[in-house]
Amino acid sequence: MLAYVNATVNVFARLLLVLIFLMSTVGNKIPNYSQVAKYMGSEGVPAPEILLAGAIVFLIAGGVTILVGFQARIGAALLLIFLILATYYFHDFWNVKDPALVQGEIISFMKNLSLCGAMLFVMVNGSGPGSLDQVLKSKPAN
C-alpha cells in the first residue's frame, strides 16, 4: 500500500513540477510565437526566432520526460538550460531601472532559482516511483 501511495504522490509531484513549463509553452509561446520572439529580441536574446523554437522543444521534451518519468534526468537538464538562459535574459533585476518593478523581478529570479534546484534534484535522483523508468527497470529481460 505504501508503495502505491509513494508512486501516486510522486506522479502528482512531477505533474506539478512541469505544469508551468508545459502550460506556458502550449498556452503562450506556441500560439503567440511572433510576439514572444519580438519580446525576446527586445530583451537582447540573439536570433530570437531560432532560440524560441529551441526553447519550445526543450520545454516540451523536458516537461514530458519528467512527467512520464522516462529519461527524466535528460529532460531536467533541458529544463535547467532553459531556466538558466531565461533567468539571465528576462529576470535581470540588477538592470531594472524602475524601483517599482525590481521586487517582481527578484521574485521571478528566485522562483527560477528554486526551479533550477528542482531540476538538479531530478538530475541526481531520477524520476522515482511511478515512473516509466521504474516500470522498465522492473521488467525481466527476455
Protein backbone atom coordinates (compact mmCIF):
# COMPACT_ATOMS: atom_id res chain seq x y z
CA MET A 1 0.00 0.00 0.00
CA LEU A 2 2.78 2.44 0.88
CA ALA A 3 4.48 1.82 -2.46
CA TYR A 4 1.24 2.72 -4.26
CA VAL A 5 0.89 5.93 -2.24
CA ASN A 6 4.53 6.87 -2.89
CA ALA A 7 4.11 6.25 -6.63
CA THR A 8 0.86 8.25 -6.78
CA VAL A 9 2.28 11.21 -4.87
CA ASN A 10 5.44 11.11 -6.98
CA VAL A 11 3.47 11.21 -10.24
CA PHE A 12 1.41 14.13 -8.90
CA ALA A 13 4.58 15.93 -7.78
CA ARG A 14 6.13 15.51 -11.24
CA LEU A 15 2.94 16.90 -12.80
CA LEU A 16 3.03 19.95 -10.54
CA LEU A 17 6.72 20.45 -11.27
CA VAL A 18 6.35 20.53 -15.06
CA LEU A 19 2.93 22.17 -15.36
CA ILE A 20 4.45 25.67 -15.50
CA PHE A 21 6.69 24.68 -18.45
CA LEU A 22 4.05 22.83 -20.44
CA MET A 23 1.27 25.40 -19.89
CA SER A 24 3.47 28.38 -20.75
CA THR A 25 4.55 26.62 -23.94
CA VAL A 26 1.14 25.44 -25.15
CA GLY A 27 -0.78 28.44 -23.79
CA ASN A 28 1.59 31.26 -24.75
CA LYS A 29 4.79 30.52 -26.64
CA ILE A 30 3.33 28.41 -29.46
CA PRO A 31 0.12 30.39 -30.16
CA ASN A 32 1.90 33.76 -29.80
CA TYR A 33 5.15 32.76 -31.48
CA SER A 34 5.77 36.06 -33.32
CA GLN A 35 5.02 38.27 -30.32
CA VAL A 36 7.14 36.12 -28.00
CA ALA A 37 10.05 36.20 -30.47
CA LYS A 38 9.77 40.01 -30.70
CA TYR A 39 9.79 40.28 -26.92
CA MET A 40 12.82 38.01 -26.72
CA GLY A 41 14.61 40.20 -29.23
CA SER A 42 13.77 43.32 -27.23
CA GLU A 43 15.40 41.69 -24.17
CA GLY A 44 18.64 41.10 -26.07
CA VAL A 45 18.20 37.42 -26.95
CA PRO A 46 20.17 36.72 -30.14
CA ALA A 47 18.33 35.03 -33.04
CA PRO A 48 15.05 35.01 -31.10
CA GLU A 49 13.01 33.11 -33.71
CA ILE A 50 15.50 30.25 -33.72
CA LEU A 51 16.06 30.21 -29.97
CA LEU A 52 12.30 30.30 -29.34
CA ALA A 53 11.89 27.18 -31.46
CA GLY A 54 14.67 25.55 -29.43
CA ALA A 55 13.08 26.68 -26.17
CA ILE A 56 9.77 25.13 -27.20
CA VAL A 57 11.47 21.82 -27.96
CA PHE A 58 13.35 21.92 -24.63
CA LEU A 59 10.19 22.81 -22.69
CA ILE A 60 8.00 20.13 -24.25
CA ALA A 61 10.66 17.39 -24.26
CA GLY A 62 11.82 18.23 -20.75
CA GLY A 63 8.30 18.54 -19.38
CA VAL A 64 7.02 15.31 -20.91
CA THR A 65 10.05 13.22 -19.97
CA ILE A 66 9.81 14.34 -16.34
CA LEU A 67 6.03 13.90 -16.27
CA VAL A 68 6.09 10.30 -17.51
CA GLY A 69 9.39 9.56 -15.82
CA PHE A 70 11.25 8.37 -18.90
CA GLN A 71 14.82 9.65 -19.18
CA ALA A 72 13.82 12.38 -16.73
CA ARG A 73 17.43 13.25 -15.98
CA ILE A 74 17.88 14.36 -19.59
CA GLY A 75 14.58 16.26 -19.50
CA ALA A 76 15.63 18.01 -16.30
CA ALA A 77 18.92 19.01 -17.94
CA LEU A 78 16.99 20.54 -20.86
CA LEU A 79 14.76 22.48 -18.47
CA LEU A 80 17.78 23.57 -16.43
CA ILE A 81 19.43 25.02 -19.54
CA PHE A 82 16.19 26.83 -20.40
CA LEU A 83 15.86 28.18 -16.86
CA ILE A 84 19.42 29.49 -16.72
CA LEU A 85 19.04 31.36 -20.01
CA ALA A 86 15.51 32.64 -19.25
CA THR A 87 16.58 33.84 -15.82
CA TYR A 88 19.60 35.69 -17.21
CA TYR A 89 17.72 37.40 -20.04
CA PHE A 90 14.30 38.04 -18.51
CA HIS A 91 14.76 38.40 -14.76
CA ASP A 92 17.90 40.55 -14.61
CA PHE A 93 16.69 42.63 -11.68
CA TRP A 94 20.13 44.23 -11.39
CA ASN A 95 19.45 46.06 -14.70
CA VAL A 96 15.89 47.18 -13.89
CA LYS A 97 15.71 50.99 -13.61
CA ASP A 98 12.17 51.29 -12.25
CA PRO A 99 12.23 50.61 -8.48
CA ALA A 100 8.58 49.55 -8.62
CA LEU A 101 9.48 46.65 -10.91
CA VAL A 102 12.61 45.43 -9.09
CA GLN A 103 10.77 43.40 -6.44
CA GLY A 104 8.77 41.47 -9.05
CA GLU A 105 11.93 40.62 -10.97
CA ILE A 106 13.66 39.48 -7.78
CA ILE A 107 10.70 37.20 -7.02
CA SER A 108 10.79 35.75 -10.56
CA PHE A 109 14.56 35.35 -10.32
CA MET A 110 14.25 33.46 -7.02
CA LYS A 111 11.39 31.30 -8.39
CA ASN A 112 13.59 30.28 -11.28
CA LEU A 113 16.47 29.52 -8.89
CA SER A 114 14.11 27.23 -6.97
CA LEU A 115 13.11 25.51 -10.20
CA CYS A 116 16.81 25.12 -11.06
CA GLY A 117 17.22 23.35 -7.71
CA ALA A 118 14.30 21.07 -8.53
CA MET A 119 15.88 20.21 -11.90
CA LEU A 120 19.19 19.42 -10.22
CA PHE A 121 17.28 17.22 -7.76
CA VAL A 122 15.70 15.25 -10.64
CA MET A 123 19.06 15.01 -12.42
CA VAL A 124 20.65 13.48 -9.31
CA ASN A 125 17.75 11.30 -8.11
CA GLY A 126 15.88 10.39 -11.27
CA SER A 127 12.13 10.27 -11.60
CA GLY A 128 11.38 7.89 -8.74
CA PRO A 129 8.40 5.62 -8.10
CA GLY A 130 5.50 5.62 -10.54
CA SER A 131 7.80 6.44 -13.44
CA LEU A 132 8.19 4.71 -16.77
CA ASP A 133 11.88 4.22 -15.97
CA GLN A 134 10.93 2.27 -12.83
CA VAL A 135 8.43 0.13 -14.75
CA LEU A 136 11.01 -0.67 -17.45
CA LYS A 137 13.68 -1.41 -14.82
CA SER A 138 11.41 -3.87 -13.00
CA LYS A 139 10.51 -5.87 -16.13
CA PRO A 140 12.57 -9.03 -16.56
CA ALA A 141 14.76 -9.11 -19.65
CA ASN A 142 13.76 -11.73 -22.22
